Amino acid sequence: MTDPIAMLFDLDGTLIHSSGDIAAAINRMLSTLGFIPASLEEVESWIGHGLDPLIHRSITRDHDGQVDEELLGRALDIFRPAYLATNFENTVLADGARRVLDALRTTGFPCAIVTNKPRTPTIGILEKFDLMDRFQTVMCGDSLDVRKPDPAPLRHALDACGATKGWMIGDSDVDSAASGAAGLPFIGIHGGYGRDNDPAEFPCTPELMLQSLSELLDENECPLEMLSHPPGLS
């Protein structure tokens, strides 16, 4: 392609399923601090806006809840090593993820990660699955002073891909909002994380909704033709 079309991927709930390890670390943190454990379904509903909001929600059991800075700091100091200590043993690639990434690379679509997950576990997971070389850049929740739904991480990823056009692929309202704010068309995937993951309620209407990432490939295992022609958004 003379003008590259970038493919920007969310991570948790899109390229990987990671909630089991996240929940294990959250419950280690809650137990250490004297709070009752959370269910997997609760933790999945809190994922999506980054680590600090996840901690606030886990302790308060309120999507908009806030804890004081001292408690937040203690909680983070427990969660971070607890999460890395899982060695991501219960984290798995989403169905079709490797096939799709390989097909995109072969056909000239530069790819990037745009996640609200902190950089250390993000890189650890990508290295575990030997996927680092599939991406032109990896934008994480601590890469900039802002994170999704702010459009800045997406715009940085586009620049790193040498592209002015592309797609955002994600599973949540956060991804949809960031996509719309960046002026990119959005492809959604069912079954993701977060409280507000009903596609009918997404801020940016998906151009396509997937049950599996493999649906980005045609019967010949090539990227869908539509991916080469992203619609422009105002």
C-alpha atoms as a PDB file:
ATOM      1  CA  MET A   1       0.000   0.000   0.000  1.00  0.00           C
ATOM      2  CA  THR A   2       1.363   3.423  -0.937  1.00  0.00           C
ATOM      3  CA  ASP A   3      -0.526   5.117   1.875  1.00  0.00           C
ATOM      4  CA  PRO A   4      -0.409   2.831   4.908  1.00  0.00           C
ATOM      5  CA  ILE A   5      -3.587   2.120   6.819  1.00  0.00           C
ATOM      6  CA  ALA A   6      -2.791   1.658  10.510  1.00  0.00           C
ATOM      7  CA  MET A   7      -4.533  -0.937  12.643  1.00  0.00           C
ATOM      8  CA  LEU A   8      -4.660   0.173  16.285  1.00  0.00           C
ATOM      9  CA  PHE A   9      -5.575  -2.545  18.765  1.00  0.00           C
ATOM     10  CA  ASP A  10      -6.710  -2.385  22.348  1.00  0.00           C
ATOM     11  CA  LEU A  11      -5.151  -5.146  24.464  1.00  0.00           C
ATOM     12  CA  ASP A  12      -7.266  -6.472  27.369  1.00  0.00           C
ATOM     13  CA  GLY A  13     -10.513  -7.956  26.118  1.00  0.00           C
ATOM     14  CA  THR A  14      -9.467  -7.487  22.495  1.00  0.00           C
ATOM     15  CA  LEU A  15      -6.146  -9.211  21.756  1.00  0.00           C
ATOM     16  CA  ILE A  16      -5.910 -11.034  25.080  1.00  0.00           C
ATOM     17  CA  HIS A  17      -8.145 -12.362  27.825  1.00  0.00           C
ATOM     18  CA  SER A  18      -6.428 -11.372  31.056  1.00  0.00           C
ATOM     19  CA  SER A  19      -9.128 -10.925  33.679  1.00  0.00           C
ATOM     20  CA  GLY A  20      -8.230 -14.060  35.643  1.00  0.00           C
ATOM     21  CA  ASP A  21      -4.743 -12.809  36.465  1.00  0.00           C
ATOM     22  CA  ILE A  22      -5.973  -9.268  37.085  1.00  0.00           C
ATOM     23  CA  ALA A  23      -8.642 -10.570  39.471  1.00  0.00           C
ATOM     24  CA  ALA A  24      -6.087 -12.699  41.330  1.00  0.00           C
ATOM     25  CA  ALA A  25      -3.883  -9.647  41.906  1.00  0.00           C
ATOM     26  CA  ILE A  26      -6.849  -7.477  42.880  1.00  0.00           C
ATOM     27  CA  ASN A  27      -7.935 -10.024  45.463  1.00  0.00           C
ATOM     28  CA  ARG A  28      -4.412 -10.305  46.854  1.00  0.00           C
ATOM     29  CA  MET A  29      -4.461  -6.525  47.247  1.00  0.00           C
ATOM     30  CA  LEU A  30      -7.937  -6.479  48.816  1.00  0.00           C
ATOM     31  CA  SER A  31      -7.086  -9.282  51.243  1.00  0.00           C
ATOM     32  CA  THR A  32      -3.846  -7.616  52.316  1.00  0.00           C
ATOM     33  CA  LEU A  33      -5.702  -4.375  53.016  1.00  0.00           C
ATOM     34  CA  GLY A  34      -8.497  -6.126  54.910  1.00  0.00           C
ATOM     35  CA  PHE A  35     -11.254  -5.855  52.304  1.00  0.00           C
ATOM     36  CA  ILE A  36     -13.488  -8.656  51.066  1.00  0.00           C
ATOM     37  CA  PRO A  37     -12.547 -10.283  47.747  1.00  0.00           C
ATOM     38  CA  ALA A  38     -14.250  -9.441  44.472  1.00  0.00           C
ATOM     39  CA  SER A  39     -15.775 -11.798  41.938  1.00  0.00           C
ATOM     40  CA  LEU A  40     -14.327 -12.224  38.467  1.00  0.00           C
ATOM     41  CA  GLU A  41     -17.428 -10.588  36.989  1.00  0.00           C
ATOM     42  CA  GLU A  42     -16.976  -7.545  39.225  1.00  0.00           C
ATOM     43  CA  VAL A  43     -13.329  -7.150  38.248  1.00  0.00           C
ATOM     44  CA  GLU A  44     -14.178  -7.460  34.557  1.00  0.00           C
ATOM     45  CA  SER A  45     -16.702  -4.648  34.921  1.00  0.00           C
ATOM     46  CA  TRP A  46     -14.006  -2.384  36.428  1.00  0.00           C
ATOM     47  CA  ILE A  47     -11.370  -2.920  33.707  1.00  0.00           C
ATOM     48  CA  GLY A  48     -10.861  -0.410  30.923  1.00  0.00           C
ATOM     49  CA  HIS A  49      -9.893   3.030  32.205  1.00  0.00           C
ATOM     50  CA  GLY A  50      -6.436   2.212  33.541  1.00  0.00           C
ATOM     51  CA  LEU A  51      -4.884   0.991  36.771  1.00  0.00           C
ATOM     52  CA  ASP A  52      -5.807   3.804  39.164  1.00  0.00           C
ATOM     53  CA  PRO A  53      -9.538   3.648  38.350  1.00  0.00           C
ATOM     54  CA  LEU A  54      -9.396  -0.148  38.684  1.00  0.00           C
ATOM     55  CA  ILE A  55      -8.005   0.207  42.210  1.00  0.00           C
ATOM     56  CA  HIS A  56     -10.529   2.887  43.190  1.00  0.00           C
ATOM     57  CA  ARG A  57     -13.410   0.736  41.949  1.00  0.00           C
ATOM     58  CA  SER A  58     -12.107  -2.440  43.571  1.00  0.00           C
ATOM     59  CA  ILE A  59     -11.859  -0.895  47.018  1.00  0.00           C
ATOM     60  CA  THR A  60     -15.051   1.172  46.925  1.00  0.00           C
ATOM     61  CA  ARG A  61     -17.140  -1.302  44.873  1.00  0.00           C
ATOM     62  CA  ASP A  62     -18.358   1.795  43.043  1.00  0.00           C
ATOM     63  CA  HIS A  63     -17.606   2.561  39.395  1.00  0.00           C
ATOM     64  CA  ASP A  64     -17.168   6.241  40.262  1.00  0.00           C
ATOM     65  CA  GLY A  65     -15.728   5.704  43.741  1.00  0.00           C
ATOM     66  CA  GLN A  66     -12.533   7.327  44.996  1.00  0.00           C
ATOM     67  CA  VAL A  67     -10.137   6.435  47.788  1.00  0.00           C
ATOM     68  CA  ASP A  68      -7.632   8.825  49.344  1.00  0.00           C
ATOM     69  CA  GLU A  69      -4.127   9.125  47.954  1.00  0.00           C
ATOM     70  CA  GLU A  70      -2.492   7.301  50.862  1.00  0.00           C
ATOM     71  CA  LEU A  71      -4.699   4.228  50.472  1.00  0.00           C
ATOM     72  CA  LEU A  72      -4.355   4.326  46.695  1.00  0.00           C
ATOM     73  CA  GLY A  73      -0.579   4.329  47.018  1.00  0.00           C
ATOM     74  CA  ARG A  74      -0.588   1.354  49.401  1.00  0.00           C
ATOM     75  CA  ALA A  75      -2.956  -0.535  47.140  1.00  0.00           C
ATOM     76  CA  LEU A  76      -0.808   0.081  44.067  1.00  0.00           C
ATOM     77  CA  ASP A  77       2.298  -1.075  45.917  1.00  0.00           C
ATOM     78  CA  ILE A  78       0.554  -4.384  46.604  1.00  0.00           C
ATOM     79  CA  PHE A  79      -1.191  -4.856  43.262  1.00  0.00           C
ATOM     80  CA  ARG A  80       1.741  -4.198  40.936  1.00  0.00           C
ATOM     81  CA  PRO A  81       4.069  -6.976  42.201  1.00  0.00           C
ATOM     82  CA  ALA A  82       1.109  -9.292  42.779  1.00  0.00           C
ATOM     83  CA  TYR A  83       0.062  -8.947  39.146  1.00  0.00           C
ATOM     84  CA  LEU A  84       3.577  -9.536  37.820  1.00  0.00           C
ATOM     85  CA  ALA A  85       3.887 -12.538  40.158  1.00  0.00           C
ATOM     86  CA  THR A  86       1.050 -14.256  38.291  1.00  0.00           C
ATOM     87  CA  ASN A  87       3.473 -14.612  35.366  1.00  0.00           C
ATOM     88  CA  PHE A  88       0.320 -14.108  33.298  1.00  0.00           C
ATOM     89  CA  GLU A  89      -0.337 -17.835  33.563  1.00  0.00           C
ATOM     90  CA  ASN A  90      -4.080 -17.455  33.089  1.00  0.00           C
ATOM     91  CA  THR A  91      -3.802 -14.889  30.296  1.00  0.00           C
ATOM     92  CA  VAL A  92      -4.519 -16.204  26.807  1.00  0.00           C
ATOM     93  CA  LEU A  93      -4.542 -14.802  23.304  1.00  0.00           C
ATOM     94  CA  ALA A  94      -7.952 -14.051  21.880  1.00  0.00           C
ATOM     95  CA  ASP A  95      -9.140 -16.460  19.216  1.00  0.00           C
ATOM     96  CA  GLY A  96      -7.636 -15.535  15.864  1.00  0.00           C
ATOM     97  CA  ALA A  97      -5.310 -12.855  17.230  1.00  0.00           C
ATOM     98  CA  ARG A  98      -2.030 -14.292  15.956  1.00  0.00           C
ATOM     99  CA  ARG A  99      -3.473 -15.175  12.540  1.00  0.00           C
ATOM    100  CA  VAL A 100      -4.885 -11.683  12.107  1.00  0.00           C
ATOM    101  CA  LEU A 101      -1.680  -9.937  13.168  1.00  0.00           C
ATOM    102  CA  ASP A 102       0.403 -12.122  10.853  1.00  0.00           C
ATOM    103  CA  ALA A 103      -1.939 -11.500   7.915  1.00  0.00           C
ATOM    104  CA  LEU A 104      -1.907  -7.744   8.510  1.00  0.00           C
ATOM    105  CA  ARG A 105       1.877  -7.659   8.661  1.00  0.00           C
ATOM    106  CA  THR A 106       2.193  -9.741   5.482  1.00  0.00           C
ATOM    107  CA  THR A 107      -0.148  -7.446   3.556  1.00  0.00           C
ATOM    108  CA  GLY A 108       1.428  -4.175   4.697  1.00  0.00           C
ATOM    109  CA  PHE A 109      -0.877  -2.883   7.416  1.00  0.00           C
ATOM    110  CA  PRO A 110       1.238  -1.361  10.223  1.00  0.00           C
ATOM    111  CA  CYS A 111      -0.128  -2.296  13.627  1.00  0.00           C
ATOM    112  CA  ALA A 112       0.051  -0.702  17.065  1.00  0.00           C
ATOM    113  CA  ILE A 113      -1.183  -1.376  20.572  1.00  0.00           C
ATOM    114  CA  VAL A 114      -3.120   1.401  22.300  1.00  0.00           C
ATOM    115  CA  THR A 115      -3.979   0.267  25.817  1.00  0.00           C
ATOM    116  CA  ASN A 116      -4.651   1.819  29.207  1.00  0.00           C
ATOM    117  CA  LYS A 117      -2.654  -0.990  30.812  1.00  0.00           C
ATOM    118  CA  PRO A 118       0.693   0.063  32.350  1.00  0.00           C
ATOM    119  CA  ARG A 119       3.782  -0.566  30.238  1.00  0.00           C
ATOM    120  CA  THR A 120       5.563  -3.169  32.387  1.00  0.00           C
ATOM    121  CA  PRO A 121       2.836  -5.850  32.284  1.00  0.00           C
ATOM    122  CA  THR A 122       1.948  -4.939  28.693  1.00  0.00           C
ATOM    123  CA  ILE A 123       5.471  -5.629  27.481  1.00  0.00           C
ATOM    124  CA  GLY A 124       5.660  -8.759  29.636  1.00  0.00           C
ATOM    125  CA  ILE A 125       2.525 -10.175  28.031  1.00  0.00           C
ATOM    126  CA  LEU A 126       3.584  -9.309  24.481  1.00  0.00           C
ATOM    127  CA  GLU A 127       6.974 -10.929  25.099  1.00  0.00           C
ATOM    128  CA  LYS A 128       5.316 -14.013  26.572  1.00  0.00           C
ATOM    129  CA  PHE A 129       3.353 -14.498  23.365  1.00  0.00           C
ATOM    130  CA  ASP A 130       6.267 -13.441  21.118  1.00  0.00           C
ATOM    131  CA  LEU A 131       4.280 -10.592  19.590  1.00  0.00           C
ATOM    132  CA  MET A 132       6.518  -7.555  20.063  1.00  0.00           C
ATOM    133  CA  ASP A 133       7.689  -7.569  16.452  1.00  0.00           C
ATOM    134  CA  ARG A 134       4.093  -7.342  15.176  1.00  0.00           C
ATOM    135  CA  PHE A 135       3.741  -3.751  16.364  1.00  0.00           C
ATOM    136  CA  GLN A 136       5.250  -0.477  15.203  1.00  0.00           C
ATOM    137  CA  THR A 137       4.627   1.012  18.626  1.00  0.00           C
ATOM    138  CA  VAL A 138       3.014   0.151  21.958  1.00  0.00           C
ATOM    139  CA  MET A 139       1.145   3.002  23.619  1.00  0.00           C
ATOM    140  CA  CYS A 140       0.316   2.247  27.259  1.00  0.00           C
ATOM    141  CA  GLY A 141      -1.609   3.917  30.030  1.00  0.00           C
ATOM    142  CA  ASP A 142       1.583   5.485  31.361  1.00  0.00           C
ATOM    143  CA  SER A 143       3.162   6.391  28.001  1.00  0.00           C
ATOM    144  CA  LEU A 144       1.674   9.901  28.067  1.00  0.00           C
ATOM    145  CA  ASP A 145       0.090  12.184  30.627  1.00  0.00           C
ATOM    146  CA  VAL A 146      -3.318  11.168  29.240  1.00  0.00           C
ATOM    147  CA  ARG A 147      -4.905   7.856  28.283  1.00  0.00           C
ATOM    148  CA  LYS A 148      -7.977   6.659  26.382  1.00  0.00           C
ATOM    149  CA  PRO A 149     -10.614   8.014  25.855  1.00  0.00           C
ATOM    150  CA  ASP A 150      -8.314  10.964  25.156  1.00  0.00           C
ATOM    151  CA  PRO A 151      -7.332  10.733  21.465  1.00  0.00           C
ATOM    152  CA  ALA A 152      -3.643  11.564  22.016  1.00  0.00           C
ATOM    153  CA  PRO A 153      -2.415   7.946  22.401  1.00  0.00           C
ATOM    154  CA  LEU A 154      -4.161   6.997  19.153  1.00  0.00           C
ATOM    155  CA  ARG A 155      -2.657   9.946  17.319  1.00  0.00           C
ATOM    156  CA  HIS A 156       0.822   9.081  18.586  1.00  0.00           C
ATOM    157  CA  ALA A 157       0.293   5.504  17.402  1.00  0.00           C
ATOM    158  CA  LEU A 158      -0.790   6.704  13.956  1.00  0.00           C
ATOM    159  CA  ASP A 159       2.352   8.834  13.684  1.00  0.00           C
ATOM    160  CA  ALA A 160       4.548   5.903  14.722  1.00  0.00           C
ATOM    161  CA  CYS A 161       2.918   3.806  12.001  1.00  0.00           C
ATOM    162  CA  GLY A 162       3.653   6.486   9.419  1.00  0.00           C
ATOM    163  CA  ALA A 163      -0.069   6.717   8.700  1.00  0.00           C
ATOM    164  CA  THR A 164      -2.754   9.364   8.613  1.00  0.00           C
ATOM    165  CA  LYS A 165      -5.618   6.874   8.271  1.00  0.00           C
ATOM    166  CA  GLY A 166      -6.518   3.743  10.129  1.00  0.00           C
ATOM    167  CA  TRP A 167      -8.881   1.819  12.353  1.00  0.00           C
ATOM    168  CA  MET A 168      -9.272   1.389  16.097  1.00  0.00           C
ATOM    169  CA  ILE A 169     -10.232  -2.120  17.200  1.00  0.00           C
ATOM    170  CA  GLY A 170     -11.472  -2.551  20.760  1.00  0.00           C
ATOM    171  CA  ASP A 171     -14.057  -4.019  23.072  1.00  0.00           C
ATOM    172  CA  SER A 172     -15.378  -1.130  25.136  1.00  0.00           C
ATOM    173  CA  ASP A 173     -16.975   2.283  25.265  1.00  0.00           C
ATOM    174  CA  VAL A 174     -13.531   3.658  26.179  1.00  0.00           C
ATOM    175  CA  ASP A 175     -12.071   2.422  22.886  1.00  0.00           C
ATOM    176  CA  SER A 176     -15.083   3.686  20.966  1.00  0.00           C
ATOM    177  CA  ALA A 177     -14.879   7.152  22.520  1.00  0.00           C
ATOM    178  CA  ALA A 178     -11.136   7.401  21.865  1.00  0.00           C
ATOM    179  CA  SER A 179     -11.644   6.288  18.282  1.00  0.00           C
ATOM    180  CA  GLY A 180     -14.279   8.928  17.631  1.00  0.00           C
ATOM    181  CA  ALA A 181     -12.228  11.644  19.318  1.00  0.00           C
ATOM    182  CA  ALA A 182      -9.235  10.762  17.128  1.00  0.00           C
ATOM    183  CA  GLY A 183     -11.366  10.795  13.973  1.00  0.00           C
ATOM    184  CA  LEU A 184     -10.857   7.092  13.301  1.00  0.00           C
ATOM    185  CA  PRO A 185     -13.512   4.534  12.384  1.00  0.00           C
ATOM    186  CA  PHE A 186     -14.123   1.920  15.056  1.00  0.00           C
ATOM    187  CA  ILE A 187     -14.359  -1.870  14.903  1.00  0.00           C
ATOM    188  CA  GLY A 188     -15.823  -3.442  18.008  1.00  0.00           C
ATOM    189  CA  ILE A 189     -15.524  -6.942  19.397  1.00  0.00           C
ATOM    190  CA  HIS A 190     -18.214  -8.546  21.514  1.00  0.00           C
ATOM    191  CA  GLY A 191     -17.624  -9.933  24.982  1.00  0.00           C
ATOM    192  CA  GLY A 192     -15.101  -7.439  26.252  1.00  0.00           C
ATOM    193  CA  TYR A 193     -14.511  -5.846  29.627  1.00  0.00           C
ATOM    194  CA  GLY A 194     -15.980  -2.785  31.268  1.00  0.00           C
ATOM    195  CA  ARG A 195     -19.390  -1.850  32.570  1.00  0.00           C
ATOM    196  CA  ASP A 196     -20.644  -0.151  29.417  1.00  0.00           C
ATOM    197  CA  ASN A 197     -19.837  -2.621  26.648  1.00  0.00           C
ATOM    198  CA  ASP A 198     -23.160  -2.630  24.823  1.00  0.00           C
ATOM    199  CA  PRO A 199     -22.300  -1.716  21.200  1.00  0.00           C
ATOM    200  CA  ALA A 200     -25.645   0.058  20.831  1.00  0.00           C
ATOM    201  CA  GLU A 201     -24.494   2.528  23.484  1.00  0.00           C
ATOM    202  CA  PHE A 202     -20.958   3.106  22.188  1.00  0.00           C
ATOM    203  CA  PRO A 203     -20.117   6.807  21.594  1.00  0.00           C
ATOM    204  CA  CYS A 204     -18.682   6.020  18.136  1.00  0.00           C
ATOM    205  CA  THR A 205     -20.935   3.675  16.162  1.00  0.00           C
ATOM    206  CA  PRO A 206     -18.903   0.624  15.099  1.00  0.00           C
ATOM    207  CA  GLU A 207     -18.411   0.121  11.383  1.00  0.00           C
ATOM    208  CA  LEU A 208     -18.208  -3.586  12.157  1.00  0.00           C
ATOM    209  CA  MET A 209     -18.902  -5.763  15.202  1.00  0.00           C
ATOM    210  CA  LEU A 210     -16.942  -8.986  15.575  1.00  0.00           C
ATOM    211  CA  GLN A 211     -17.563 -12.146  17.515  1.00  0.00           C
ATOM    212  CA  SER A 212     -13.930 -13.109  16.888  1.00  0.00           C
ATOM    213  CA  LEU A 213     -10.887 -11.273  15.573  1.00  0.00           C
ATOM    214  CA  SER A 214     -10.622 -13.925  12.859  1.00  0.00           C
ATOM    215  CA  GLU A 215     -13.608 -12.233  11.207  1.00  0.00           C
ATOM    216  CA  LEU A 216     -11.178  -9.536  10.066  1.00  0.00           C
ATOM    217  CA  LEU A 217      -9.934 -12.112   7.530  1.00  0.00           C
ATOM    218  CA  ASP A 218     -11.734 -13.319   4.412  1.00  0.00           C
ATOM    219  CA  GLU A 219     -12.070 -16.901   3.214  1.00  0.00           C
ATOM    220  CA  ASN A 220      -8.534 -16.718   1.806  1.00  0.00           C
ATOM    221  CA  GLU A 221      -7.094 -15.645   5.170  1.00  0.00           C
ATOM    222  CA  CYS A 222      -6.476 -12.142   3.816  1.00  0.00           C
ATOM    223  CA  PRO A 223      -7.552  -8.930   5.567  1.00  0.00           C
ATOM    224  CA  LEU A 224     -11.049  -7.812   4.599  1.00  0.00           C
ATOM    225  CA  GLU A 225     -11.088  -5.483   1.605  1.00  0.00           C
ATOM    226  CA  MET A 226     -12.917  -2.824   3.649  1.00  0.00           C
ATOM    227  CA  LEU A 227      -9.857  -2.395   5.869  1.00  0.00           C
ATOM    228  CA  SER A 228      -8.013  -0.792   2.950  1.00  0.00           C
ATOM    229  CA  HIS A 229     -10.691   1.899   2.700  1.00  0.00           C
ATOM    230  CA  PRO A 230     -11.419   3.335   6.154  1.00  0.00           C
ATOM    231  CA  PRO A 231     -14.231   5.865   6.092  1.00  0.00           C
ATOM    232  CA  GLY A 232     -13.300   9.380   7.080  1.00  0.00           C
ATOM    233  CA  LEU A 233     -14.869  10.809  10.224  1.00  0.00           C
ATOM    234  CA  SER A 234     -15.470  14.482  10.832  1.00  0.00           C
END
